[in-house]
C-alpha atoms as a PDB file:
ATOM      1  CA  MET A   1     -48.653 -71.527  98.706  1.00  0.00           C
ATOM      2  CA  SER A   2     -49.599 -67.850  98.502  1.00  0.00           C
ATOM      3  CA  VAL A   3     -48.982 -64.735 100.574  1.00  0.00           C
ATOM      4  CA  SER A   4     -52.527 -64.780 101.779  1.00  0.00           C
ATOM      5  CA  ASP A   5     -52.340 -68.387 102.891  1.00  0.00           C
ATOM      6  CA  SER A   6     -53.168 -68.087 106.632  1.00  0.00           C
ATOM      7  CA  THR A   7     -51.160 -71.199 107.541  1.00  0.00           C
ATOM      8  CA  TYR A   8     -47.978 -69.413 106.709  1.00  0.00           C
ATOM      9  CA  ARG A   9     -49.151 -65.900 107.479  1.00  0.00           C
ATOM     10  CA  ALA A  10     -50.449 -66.533 111.054  1.00  0.00           C
ATOM     11  CA  THR A  11     -49.395 -63.354 112.852  1.00  0.00           C
ATOM     12  CA  LEU A  12     -47.953 -62.838 116.256  1.00  0.00           C
ATOM     13  CA  GLY A  13     -48.521 -59.895 118.606  1.00  0.00           C
ATOM     14  CA  ASP A  14     -46.118 -57.597 116.739  1.00  0.00           C
ATOM     15  CA  GLY A  15     -47.719 -58.186 113.358  1.00  0.00           C
ATOM     16  CA  THR A  16     -45.029 -60.524 112.005  1.00  0.00           C
ATOM     17  CA  SER A  17     -45.925 -63.942 110.755  1.00  0.00           C
ATOM     18  CA  VAL A  18     -44.530 -67.201 112.174  1.00  0.00           C
ATOM     19  CA  LEU A  19     -42.727 -67.798 108.873  1.00  0.00           C
ATOM     20  CA  GLU A  20     -41.234 -64.395 109.017  1.00  0.00           C
ATOM     21  CA  ARG A  21     -39.964 -65.041 112.585  1.00  0.00           C
ATOM     22  CA  VAL A  22     -38.467 -68.367 111.637  1.00  0.00           C
ATOM     23  CA  LEU A  23     -36.736 -66.938 108.600  1.00  0.00           C
ATOM     24  CA  LEU A  24     -35.443 -63.943 110.534  1.00  0.00           C
ATOM     25  CA  ALA A  25     -33.954 -66.341 113.109  1.00  0.00           C
ATOM     26  CA  ILE A  26     -32.116 -68.280 110.412  1.00  0.00           C
ATOM     27  CA  ILE A  27     -30.973 -64.990 108.845  1.00  0.00           C
ATOM     28  CA  ASN A  28     -29.757 -63.661 112.165  1.00  0.00           C
ATOM     29  CA  ALA A  29     -27.879 -66.980 112.836  1.00  0.00           C
ATOM     30  CA  HIS A  30     -26.113 -66.638 109.535  1.00  0.00           C
ATOM     31  CA  THR A  31     -25.254 -62.977 109.497  1.00  0.00           C
ATOM     32  CA  THR A  32     -21.722 -61.932 108.669  1.00  0.00           C
ATOM     33  CA  GLY A  33     -20.034 -58.588 108.802  1.00  0.00           C
ATOM     34  CA  LYS A  34     -20.790 -58.235 105.117  1.00  0.00           C
ATOM     35  CA  THR A  35     -24.557 -58.760 105.660  1.00  0.00           C
ATOM     36  CA  GLU A  36     -24.935 -57.028 108.975  1.00  0.00           C
ATOM     37  CA  GLY A  37     -27.789 -54.517 108.934  1.00  0.00           C
ATOM     38  CA  ARG A  38     -29.384 -55.999 105.886  1.00  0.00           C
ATOM     39  CA  GLN A  39     -31.698 -58.452 107.796  1.00  0.00           C
ATOM     40  CA  GLN A  40     -34.978 -56.867 106.466  1.00  0.00           C
ATOM     41  CA  GLU A  41     -33.737 -56.972 102.871  1.00  0.00           C
ATOM     42  CA  ARG A  42     -32.699 -60.605 103.275  1.00  0.00           C
ATOM     43  CA  LEU A  43     -36.006 -61.429 104.895  1.00  0.00           C
ATOM     44  CA  ASP A  44     -37.956 -59.825 102.074  1.00  0.00           C
ATOM     45  CA  ALA A  45     -35.862 -61.790  99.530  1.00  0.00           C
ATOM     46  CA  ALA A  46     -36.431 -65.017 101.433  1.00  0.00           C
ATOM     47  CA  MET A  47     -40.228 -64.400 101.638  1.00  0.00           C
ATOM     48  CA  VAL A  48     -40.410 -63.696  97.933  1.00  0.00           C
ATOM     49  CA  ALA A  49     -38.395 -66.821  97.154  1.00  0.00           C
ATOM     50  CA  LEU A  50     -40.639 -69.014  99.293  1.00  0.00           C
ATOM     51  CA  ILE A  51     -44.110 -67.637  98.737  1.00  0.00           C
ATOM     52  CA  GLY A  52     -43.821 -65.276  95.808  1.00  0.00           C
ATOM     53  CA  PRO A  53     -44.074 -61.532  95.662  1.00  0.00           C
ATOM     54  CA  ALA A  54     -46.904 -59.814  97.543  1.00  0.00           C
ATOM     55  CA  THR A  55     -48.882 -57.160  95.823  1.00  0.00           C
ATOM     56  CA  ARG A  56     -49.768 -53.820  97.372  1.00  0.00           C
ATOM     57  CA  VAL A  57     -53.341 -54.924  97.702  1.00  0.00           C
ATOM     58  CA  GLU A  58     -52.349 -58.046  99.602  1.00  0.00           C
ATOM     59  CA  HIS A  59     -50.292 -55.930 102.071  1.00  0.00           C
ATOM     60  CA  ASP A  60     -53.276 -53.558 102.500  1.00  0.00           C
ATOM     61  CA  LEU A  61     -55.629 -56.514 103.048  1.00  0.00           C
ATOM     62  CA  GLU A  62     -53.285 -57.895 105.675  1.00  0.00           C
ATOM     63  CA  ARG A  63     -53.161 -54.500 107.383  1.00  0.00           C
ATOM     64  CA  ALA A  64     -56.965 -54.240 107.272  1.00  0.00           C
ATOM     65  CA  LEU A  65     -57.318 -57.751 108.817  1.00  0.00           C
ATOM     66  CA  HIS A  66     -54.919 -56.831 111.575  1.00  0.00           C
ATOM     67  CA  PHE A  67     -56.915 -53.608 112.149  1.00  0.00           C
ATOM     68  CA  MET A  68     -60.140 -55.617 112.383  1.00  0.00           C
ATOM     69  CA  ALA A  69     -58.633 -58.194 114.755  1.00  0.00           C
ATOM     70  CA  ARG A  70     -57.146 -55.506 117.072  1.00  0.00           C
ATOM     71  CA  HIS A  71     -60.479 -53.622 117.195  1.00  0.00           C
ATOM     72  CA  ARG A  72     -62.462 -56.773 117.752  1.00  0.00           C
ATOM     73  CA  GLN A  73     -60.244 -57.839 120.653  1.00  0.00           C
ATOM     74  CA  ARG A  74     -60.369 -54.379 122.182  1.00  0.00           C
ATOM     75  CA  ASP A  75     -64.161 -54.265 121.841  1.00  0.00           C
ATOM     76  CA  ILE A  76     -64.661 -57.701 123.391  1.00  0.00           C
ATOM     77  CA  CYS A  77     -62.302 -56.808 126.270  1.00  0.00           C
ATOM     78  CA  ASP A  78     -64.167 -53.501 126.835  1.00  0.00           C
ATOM     79  CA  VAL A  79     -67.536 -55.276 126.912  1.00  0.00           C
ATOM     80  CA  GLU A  80     -66.216 -57.875 129.407  1.00  0.00           C
ATOM     81  CA  MET A  81     -64.706 -55.199 131.635  1.00  0.00           C
ATOM     82  CA  ARG A  82     -67.943 -53.196 131.625  1.00  0.00           C
ATOM     83  CA  ALA A  83     -69.798 -56.400 132.502  1.00  0.00           C
ATOM     84  CA  LEU A  84     -67.498 -56.955 135.516  1.00  0.00           C
ATOM     85  CA  ARG A  85     -68.126 -53.381 136.759  1.00  0.00           C
ATOM     86  CA  SER A  86     -71.728 -53.164 135.767  1.00  0.00           C
ATOM     87  CA  CYS A  87     -74.575 -52.433 138.059  1.00  0.00           C
ATOM     88  CA  SER A  88     -78.032 -53.663 137.098  1.00  0.00           C
ATOM     89  CA  VAL A  89     -78.855 -50.186 135.758  1.00  0.00           C
ATOM     90  CA  ALA A  90     -75.705 -49.631 133.646  1.00  0.00           C
ATOM     91  CA  THR A  91     -75.710 -50.736 129.982  1.00  0.00           C
ATOM     92  CA  ILE A  92     -72.934 -53.096 129.044  1.00  0.00           C
ATOM     93  CA  GLY A  93     -72.958 -52.473 125.242  1.00  0.00           C
ATOM     94  CA  THR A  94     -71.830 -54.807 122.599  1.00  0.00           C
ATOM     95  CA  ALA A  95     -68.729 -55.325 120.406  1.00  0.00           C
ATOM     96  CA  GLN A  96     -68.765 -54.242 116.826  1.00  0.00           C
ATOM     97  CA  THR A  97     -69.793 -56.949 114.412  1.00  0.00           C
ATOM     98  CA  VAL A  98     -67.369 -58.296 111.803  1.00  0.00           C
ATOM     99  CA  PRO A  99     -69.237 -56.501 108.972  1.00  0.00           C
ATOM    100  CA  GLU A 100     -69.060 -53.212 110.916  1.00  0.00           C
ATOM    101  CA  LEU A 101     -65.329 -53.694 111.447  1.00  0.00           C
ATOM    102  CA  ALA A 102     -64.867 -54.576 107.815  1.00  0.00           C
ATOM    103  CA  ASN A 103     -66.597 -51.373 106.689  1.00  0.00           C
ATOM    104  CA  LEU A 104     -64.432 -49.328 109.061  1.00  0.00           C
ATOM    105  CA  ALA A 105     -61.267 -51.066 107.789  1.00  0.00           C
ATOM    106  CA  ALA A 106     -62.268 -50.564 104.175  1.00  0.00           C
ATOM    107  CA  ARG A 107     -62.575 -46.829 104.774  1.00  0.00           C
ATOM    108  CA  GLU A 108     -59.746 -46.208 107.172  1.00  0.00           C
ATOM    109  CA  VAL A 109     -57.083 -48.760 106.179  1.00  0.00           C
ATOM    110  CA  MET A 110     -57.877 -49.498 102.534  1.00  0.00           C
ATOM    111  CA  GLY A 111     -58.801 -45.852 101.801  1.00  0.00           C
ATOM    112  CA  CYS A 112     -62.157 -46.643 100.033  1.00  0.00           C
ATOM    113  CA  THR A 113     -64.460 -43.646  99.623  1.00  0.00           C
ATOM    114  CA  ARG A 114     -67.178 -44.665  97.256  1.00  0.00           C
ATOM    115  CA  ALA A 115     -69.992 -46.722  98.739  1.00  0.00           C
ATOM    116  CA  THR A 116     -69.686 -49.481  96.152  1.00  0.00           C
ATOM    117  CA  ASP A 117     -65.917 -49.848  96.764  1.00  0.00           C
ATOM    118  CA  VAL A 118     -66.477 -49.872 100.568  1.00  0.00           C
ATOM    119  CA  GLN A 119     -69.268 -52.551 100.219  1.00  0.00           C
ATOM    120  CA  GLU A 120     -67.119 -54.782  97.924  1.00  0.00           C
ATOM    121  CA  THR A 121     -63.946 -54.402  99.997  1.00  0.00           C
ATOM    122  CA  ALA A 122     -65.886 -55.053 103.227  1.00  0.00           C
ATOM    123  CA  ARG A 123     -67.376 -58.218 101.714  1.00  0.00           C
ATOM    124  CA  VAL A 124     -63.888 -59.531 100.836  1.00  0.00           C
ATOM    125  CA  LEU A 125     -62.511 -58.560 104.327  1.00  0.00           C
ATOM    126  CA  CYS A 126     -65.445 -60.312 106.057  1.00  0.00           C
ATOM    127  CA  GLU A 127     -64.890 -63.469 104.034  1.00  0.00           C
ATOM    128  CA  MET A 128     -61.132 -63.406 104.768  1.00  0.00           C
ATOM    129  CA  PHE A 129     -61.651 -62.636 108.461  1.00  0.00           C
ATOM    130  CA  ARG A 130     -64.089 -65.525 108.888  1.00  0.00           C
ATOM    131  CA  ARG A 131     -61.971 -67.979 106.848  1.00  0.00           C
ATOM    132  CA  ARG A 132     -58.925 -67.023 108.916  1.00  0.00           C
ATOM    133  CA  ASP A 133     -60.906 -67.400 112.118  1.00  0.00           C
ATOM    134  CA  LYS A 134     -61.915 -70.929 111.125  1.00  0.00           C
ATOM    135  CA  VAL A 135     -58.296 -71.888 110.444  1.00  0.00           C
ATOM    136  CA  ASN A 136     -57.363 -70.838 114.026  1.00  0.00           C
ATOM    137  CA  ASP A 137     -60.117 -73.110 115.561  1.00  0.00           C
ATOM    138  CA  VAL A 138     -58.404 -75.518 117.933  1.00  0.00           C
ATOM    139  CA  GLU A 139     -59.250 -79.173 117.686  1.00  0.00           C
ATOM    140  CA  PRO A 140     -60.059 -80.913 120.949  1.00  0.00           C
ATOM    141  CA  ASP A 141     -57.010 -82.272 122.764  1.00  0.00           C
ATOM    142  CA  HIS A 142     -58.074 -85.833 123.720  1.00  0.00           C
ATOM    143  CA  VAL A 143     -54.873 -86.606 125.597  1.00  0.00           C
ATOM    144  CA  ARG A 144     -55.239 -83.483 127.787  1.00  0.00           C
ATOM    145  CA  GLU A 145     -58.894 -84.272 128.405  1.00  0.00           C
ATOM    146  CA  ALA A 146     -58.030 -87.895 129.398  1.00  0.00           C
ATOM    147  CA  LEU A 147     -55.359 -86.577 131.805  1.00  0.00           C
ATOM    148  CA  GLU A 148     -57.792 -84.125 133.373  1.00  0.00           C
ATOM    149  CA  ARG A 149     -60.427 -86.920 133.821  1.00  0.00           C
ATOM    150  CA  GLU A 150     -57.821 -89.163 135.426  1.00  0.00           C
ATOM    151  CA  ALA A 151     -56.760 -86.338 137.805  1.00  0.00           C
ATOM    152  CA  MET A 152     -60.381 -85.709 138.674  1.00  0.00           C
ATOM    153  CA  ARG A 153     -61.013 -89.348 139.333  1.00  0.00           C
ATOM    154  CA  ARG A 154     -57.965 -89.502 141.655  1.00  0.00           C
ATOM    155  CA  ILE A 155     -59.125 -86.468 143.589  1.00  0.00           C
ATOM    156  CA  LEU A 156     -62.634 -87.926 143.920  1.00  0.00           C
ATOM    157  CA  ASP A 157     -61.147 -91.246 145.061  1.00  0.00           C
ATOM    158  CA  GLU A 158     -59.047 -89.458 147.651  1.00  0.00           C
ATOM    159  CA  LEU A 159     -62.043 -87.476 148.908  1.00  0.00           C
ATOM    160  CA  ALA A 160     -64.125 -90.681 149.111  1.00  0.00           C
ATOM    161  CA  GLU A 161     -61.469 -92.233 151.404  1.00  0.00           C
ATOM    162  CA  TRP A 162     -62.019 -89.330 153.812  1.00  0.00           C
ATOM    163  CA  ASP A 163     -65.795 -89.747 153.599  1.00  0.00           C
ATOM    164  CA  VAL A 164     -66.282 -86.386 151.836  1.00  0.00           C
ATOM    165  CA  PRO A 165     -69.475 -86.596 149.735  1.00  0.00           C
ATOM    166  CA  SER A 166     -69.063 -85.790 146.051  1.00  0.00           C
ATOM    167  CA  ILE A 167     -71.712 -84.159 143.883  1.00  0.00           C
ATOM    168  CA  ILE A 168     -69.800 -85.347 140.803  1.00  0.00           C
ATOM    169  CA  SER A 169     -70.248 -88.951 139.770  1.00  0.00           C
ATOM    170  CA  ASN A 170     -67.336 -90.964 138.490  1.00  0.00           C
END
């Protein structure tokens, strides 16, 4: 298990990971007057004990990935909002690509200035971003699908009893 393992580092809206939230909840539940106010210090110690020390580069890469994800979400939302308001003459635009975001993050978050450094860092960020995105893919929920099919069948059966024609076949 490493700091960059996305299973343990999946982040929530505030930038904390699921593991950090669980550990912090345990720490808060076991805080005494002696340890009050030292939650962050205790959390850092627990994280190091569980997954090992994080290097400065790992922290910067995490920050860069968060930067990319925030910008990607904002861009997609902006494009969708423009599409909703769009007339046939207005241009909708497109979201920045992952490589474009990686280049931006390499410059703005990682502080790369030389072209070769930007290119290499962007390549690493693209690879990490895509790998993390694949981890978050959701498997189909067969139980939910079966329940939805059953509910639809019941609705169609009820409609059929009232002689309402259906365009959907059972």
